[in-house]
Amino acid sequence: MNTSLEDARYVSLATFRRDGREVRTPVWFARLDDGYVCYSAADAGKVKRIRNTPRVRLAPCDMRGKLRGTWRDATATLLDDPASCARAYAALRARYGWQMWLVDALARLSGRDTRRAVIALHPEAP
């Protein structure tokens, strides 16, 4: 099955270690402006790797990371502007509805909601 990014429920986000090895992680994502957004714990490995190099790859996948389409090269940036982060969360809430609401509620209860990083993903033209 060759699913497009637009039709996928999850995207495999491939980040790169300093030695060049790839680390893949399935994440929720949403369309925003000319790219996509996702979020992670601010101290997660993928966030550290993005700080090191903004080069990433994206591919549609299932919740376990099984690929459902082809890879696309992209650039990742960490958003720190509160307005941009709010827009990103609004896009994720619009896409994932009650599931995102539940994740947000649990994050607020545990205090993890303030320790998140928002990632903007900008795929290269196909």
C-alpha atoms as a PDB file:
ATOM      1  CA  MET A   1       0.000   0.000   0.000  1.00  0.00           C
ATOM      2  CA  ASN A   2       1.391   3.412  -0.927  1.00  0.00           C
ATOM      3  CA  THR A   3      -0.315   6.005   1.280  1.00  0.00           C
ATOM      4  CA  SER A   4       0.422   9.702   0.864  1.00  0.00           C
ATOM      5  CA  LEU A   5       1.412  11.896   3.794  1.00  0.00           C
ATOM      6  CA  GLU A   6      -1.928  13.709   3.491  1.00  0.00           C
ATOM      7  CA  ASP A   7      -3.871  10.455   3.975  1.00  0.00           C
ATOM      8  CA  ALA A   8      -1.695   8.938   6.715  1.00  0.00           C
ATOM      9  CA  ARG A   9      -2.682   8.905  10.376  1.00  0.00           C
ATOM     10  CA  TYR A  10       0.965   8.692  11.507  1.00  0.00           C
ATOM     11  CA  VAL A  11       4.280   9.676  10.016  1.00  0.00           C
ATOM     12  CA  SER A  12       7.590   7.954  10.590  1.00  0.00           C
ATOM     13  CA  LEU A  13       9.984  10.727  11.568  1.00  0.00           C
ATOM     14  CA  ALA A  14      13.560   9.726  10.850  1.00  0.00           C
ATOM     15  CA  THR A  15      16.171  11.811  12.647  1.00  0.00           C
ATOM     16  CA  PHE A  16      19.932  11.351  12.441  1.00  0.00           C
ATOM     17  CA  ARG A  17      22.544  10.691  15.096  1.00  0.00           C
ATOM     18  CA  ARG A  18      25.884  12.451  14.984  1.00  0.00           C
ATOM     19  CA  ASP A  19      27.445   9.384  13.347  1.00  0.00           C
ATOM     20  CA  GLY A  20      24.795   9.452  10.598  1.00  0.00           C
ATOM     21  CA  ARG A  21      22.696   6.527  11.785  1.00  0.00           C
ATOM     22  CA  GLU A  22      18.966   7.002  11.338  1.00  0.00           C
ATOM     23  CA  VAL A  23      16.434   6.706  14.183  1.00  0.00           C
ATOM     24  CA  ARG A  24      12.788   6.294  13.188  1.00  0.00           C
ATOM     25  CA  THR A  25       9.835   7.224  15.390  1.00  0.00           C
ATOM     26  CA  PRO A  26       6.112   7.121  14.500  1.00  0.00           C
ATOM     27  CA  VAL A  27       4.434  10.394  15.511  1.00  0.00           C
ATOM     28  CA  TRP A  28       1.118  12.181  15.159  1.00  0.00           C
ATOM     29  CA  PHE A  29       1.332  15.097  12.752  1.00  0.00           C
ATOM     30  CA  ALA A  30      -0.883  17.740  11.204  1.00  0.00           C
ATOM     31  CA  ARG A  31      -0.757  19.974   8.169  1.00  0.00           C
ATOM     32  CA  LEU A  32       0.086  23.598   8.916  1.00  0.00           C
ATOM     33  CA  ASP A  33       0.798  26.234   6.277  1.00  0.00           C
ATOM     34  CA  ASP A  34       3.348  24.835   3.809  1.00  0.00           C
ATOM     35  CA  GLY A  35       4.468  21.927   5.993  1.00  0.00           C
ATOM     36  CA  TYR A  36       3.536  19.759   8.942  1.00  0.00           C
ATOM     37  CA  VAL A  37       3.858  19.916  12.713  1.00  0.00           C
ATOM     38  CA  CYS A  38       4.281  17.336  15.451  1.00  0.00           C
ATOM     39  CA  TYR A  39       5.259  17.437  19.107  1.00  0.00           C
ATOM     40  CA  SER A  40       7.430  15.499  21.512  1.00  0.00           C
ATOM     41  CA  ALA A  41       8.823  15.611  25.009  1.00  0.00           C
ATOM     42  CA  ALA A  42      11.408  18.386  25.033  1.00  0.00           C
ATOM     43  CA  ASP A  43      14.074  16.024  26.363  1.00  0.00           C
ATOM     44  CA  ALA A  44      13.360  13.227  23.851  1.00  0.00           C
ATOM     45  CA  GLY A  45      16.151  11.892  21.689  1.00  0.00           C
ATOM     46  CA  LYS A  46      14.519  13.076  18.467  1.00  0.00           C
ATOM     47  CA  VAL A  47      14.467  16.649  19.767  1.00  0.00           C
ATOM     48  CA  LYS A  48      18.146  16.442  20.697  1.00  0.00           C
ATOM     49  CA  ARG A  49      18.967  15.019  17.268  1.00  0.00           C
ATOM     50  CA  ILE A  50      16.999  17.807  15.523  1.00  0.00           C
ATOM     51  CA  ARG A  51      18.967  20.388  17.526  1.00  0.00           C
ATOM     52  CA  ASN A  52      22.115  18.746  16.186  1.00  0.00           C
ATOM     53  CA  THR A  53      20.971  18.521  12.561  1.00  0.00           C
ATOM     54  CA  PRO A  54      17.683  19.710  11.039  1.00  0.00           C
ATOM     55  CA  ARG A  55      17.828  17.037   8.334  1.00  0.00           C
ATOM     56  CA  VAL A  56      14.970  14.532   8.696  1.00  0.00           C
ATOM     57  CA  ARG A  57      12.967  12.145   6.541  1.00  0.00           C
ATOM     58  CA  LEU A  58       9.216  11.524   6.594  1.00  0.00           C
ATOM     59  CA  ALA A  59       7.145   8.563   5.451  1.00  0.00           C
ATOM     60  CA  PRO A  60       3.537   7.557   6.068  1.00  0.00           C
ATOM     61  CA  CYS A  61       3.300   4.723   8.581  1.00  0.00           C
ATOM     62  CA  ASP A  62       0.993   2.954  11.010  1.00  0.00           C
ATOM     63  CA  MET A  63       1.050   3.451  14.781  1.00  0.00           C
ATOM     64  CA  ARG A  64       3.839   0.885  15.146  1.00  0.00           C
ATOM     65  CA  GLY A  65       6.036   2.494  12.519  1.00  0.00           C
ATOM     66  CA  LYS A  66       5.371   0.055   9.658  1.00  0.00           C
ATOM     67  CA  LEU A  67       5.886   2.071   6.495  1.00  0.00           C
ATOM     68  CA  ARG A  68       2.849   2.718   4.282  1.00  0.00           C
ATOM     69  CA  GLY A  69       4.524   4.913   1.666  1.00  0.00           C
ATOM     70  CA  THR A  70       7.738   6.393   0.385  1.00  0.00           C
ATOM     71  CA  TRP A  71      10.268   8.542   2.202  1.00  0.00           C
ATOM     72  CA  ARG A  72      10.541  12.283   1.648  1.00  0.00           C
ATOM     73  CA  ASP A  73      13.505  14.378   2.727  1.00  0.00           C
ATOM     74  CA  ALA A  74      12.587  17.308   4.958  1.00  0.00           C
ATOM     75  CA  THR A  75      13.935  19.963   7.271  1.00  0.00           C
ATOM     76  CA  ALA A  76      12.829  20.204  10.899  1.00  0.00           C
ATOM     77  CA  THR A  77      12.792  23.261  13.129  1.00  0.00           C
ATOM     78  CA  LEU A  78      11.852  23.565  16.774  1.00  0.00           C
ATOM     79  CA  LEU A  79       9.191  26.194  17.344  1.00  0.00           C
ATOM     80  CA  ASP A  80       9.572  28.436  20.381  1.00  0.00           C
ATOM     81  CA  ASP A  81       7.188  31.269  19.527  1.00  0.00           C
ATOM     82  CA  PRO A  82       4.031  30.837  21.716  1.00  0.00           C
ATOM     83  CA  ALA A  83       1.714  31.892  18.867  1.00  0.00           C
ATOM     84  CA  SER A  84       3.243  29.360  16.459  1.00  0.00           C
ATOM     85  CA  CYS A  85       3.039  26.625  19.097  1.00  0.00           C
ATOM     86  CA  ALA A  86      -0.609  27.457  19.768  1.00  0.00           C
ATOM     87  CA  ARG A  87      -1.383  27.208  16.030  1.00  0.00           C
ATOM     88  CA  ALA A  88       0.430  23.868  15.866  1.00  0.00           C
ATOM     89  CA  TYR A  89      -1.541  22.443  18.797  1.00  0.00           C
ATOM     90  CA  ALA A  90      -4.787  23.740  17.255  1.00  0.00           C
ATOM     91  CA  ALA A  91      -3.951  21.889  14.027  1.00  0.00           C
ATOM     92  CA  LEU A  92      -3.183  18.687  15.956  1.00  0.00           C
ATOM     93  CA  ARG A  93      -6.404  18.991  17.990  1.00  0.00           C
ATOM     94  CA  ALA A  94      -8.418  19.545  14.810  1.00  0.00           C
ATOM     95  CA  ARG A  95      -6.930  16.423  13.273  1.00  0.00           C
ATOM     96  CA  TYR A  96      -6.957  14.022  16.226  1.00  0.00           C
ATOM     97  CA  GLY A  97     -10.000  15.315  18.126  1.00  0.00           C
ATOM     98  CA  TRP A  98     -10.821  13.494  21.342  1.00  0.00           C
ATOM     99  CA  GLN A  99      -7.555  11.534  21.230  1.00  0.00           C
ATOM    100  CA  MET A 100      -5.492  14.725  21.353  1.00  0.00           C
ATOM    101  CA  TRP A 101      -7.809  16.109  24.021  1.00  0.00           C
ATOM    102  CA  LEU A 102      -7.159  13.006  26.140  1.00  0.00           C
ATOM    103  CA  VAL A 103      -3.378  13.210  25.629  1.00  0.00           C
ATOM    104  CA  ASP A 104      -3.450  16.911  26.556  1.00  0.00           C
ATOM    105  CA  ALA A 105      -5.524  16.235  29.691  1.00  0.00           C
ATOM    106  CA  LEU A 106      -3.164  13.500  30.882  1.00  0.00           C
ATOM    107  CA  ALA A 107      -0.141  15.700  30.128  1.00  0.00           C
ATOM    108  CA  ARG A 108      -1.657  18.548  32.191  1.00  0.00           C
ATOM    109  CA  LEU A 109      -2.348  16.204  35.115  1.00  0.00           C
ATOM    110  CA  SER A 110       1.218  14.905  35.100  1.00  0.00           C
ATOM    111  CA  GLY A 111       2.838  18.291  34.444  1.00  0.00           C
ATOM    112  CA  ARG A 112       4.331  17.142  31.140  1.00  0.00           C
ATOM    113  CA  ASP A 113       2.378  19.685  29.081  1.00  0.00           C
ATOM    114  CA  THR A 114       4.925  22.379  29.911  1.00  0.00           C
ATOM    115  CA  ARG A 115       7.839  20.152  28.872  1.00  0.00           C
ATOM    116  CA  ARG A 116       6.923  19.657  25.235  1.00  0.00           C
ATOM    117  CA  ALA A 117       8.709  20.642  22.051  1.00  0.00           C
ATOM    118  CA  VAL A 118       6.790  21.526  18.905  1.00  0.00           C
ATOM    119  CA  ILE A 119       8.487  20.496  15.669  1.00  0.00           C
ATOM    120  CA  ALA A 120       7.799  22.069  12.274  1.00  0.00           C
ATOM    121  CA  LEU A 121       8.493  19.757   9.328  1.00  0.00           C
ATOM    122  CA  HIS A 122       9.111  21.138   5.842  1.00  0.00           C
ATOM    123  CA  PRO A 123       9.322  18.417   3.160  1.00  0.00           C
ATOM    124  CA  GLU A 124      11.326  19.043   0.024  1.00  0.00           C
ATOM    125  CA  ALA A 125       9.378  19.213  -3.202  1.00  0.00           C
ATOM    126  CA  PRO A 126       8.743  15.730  -4.659  1.00  0.00           C
END
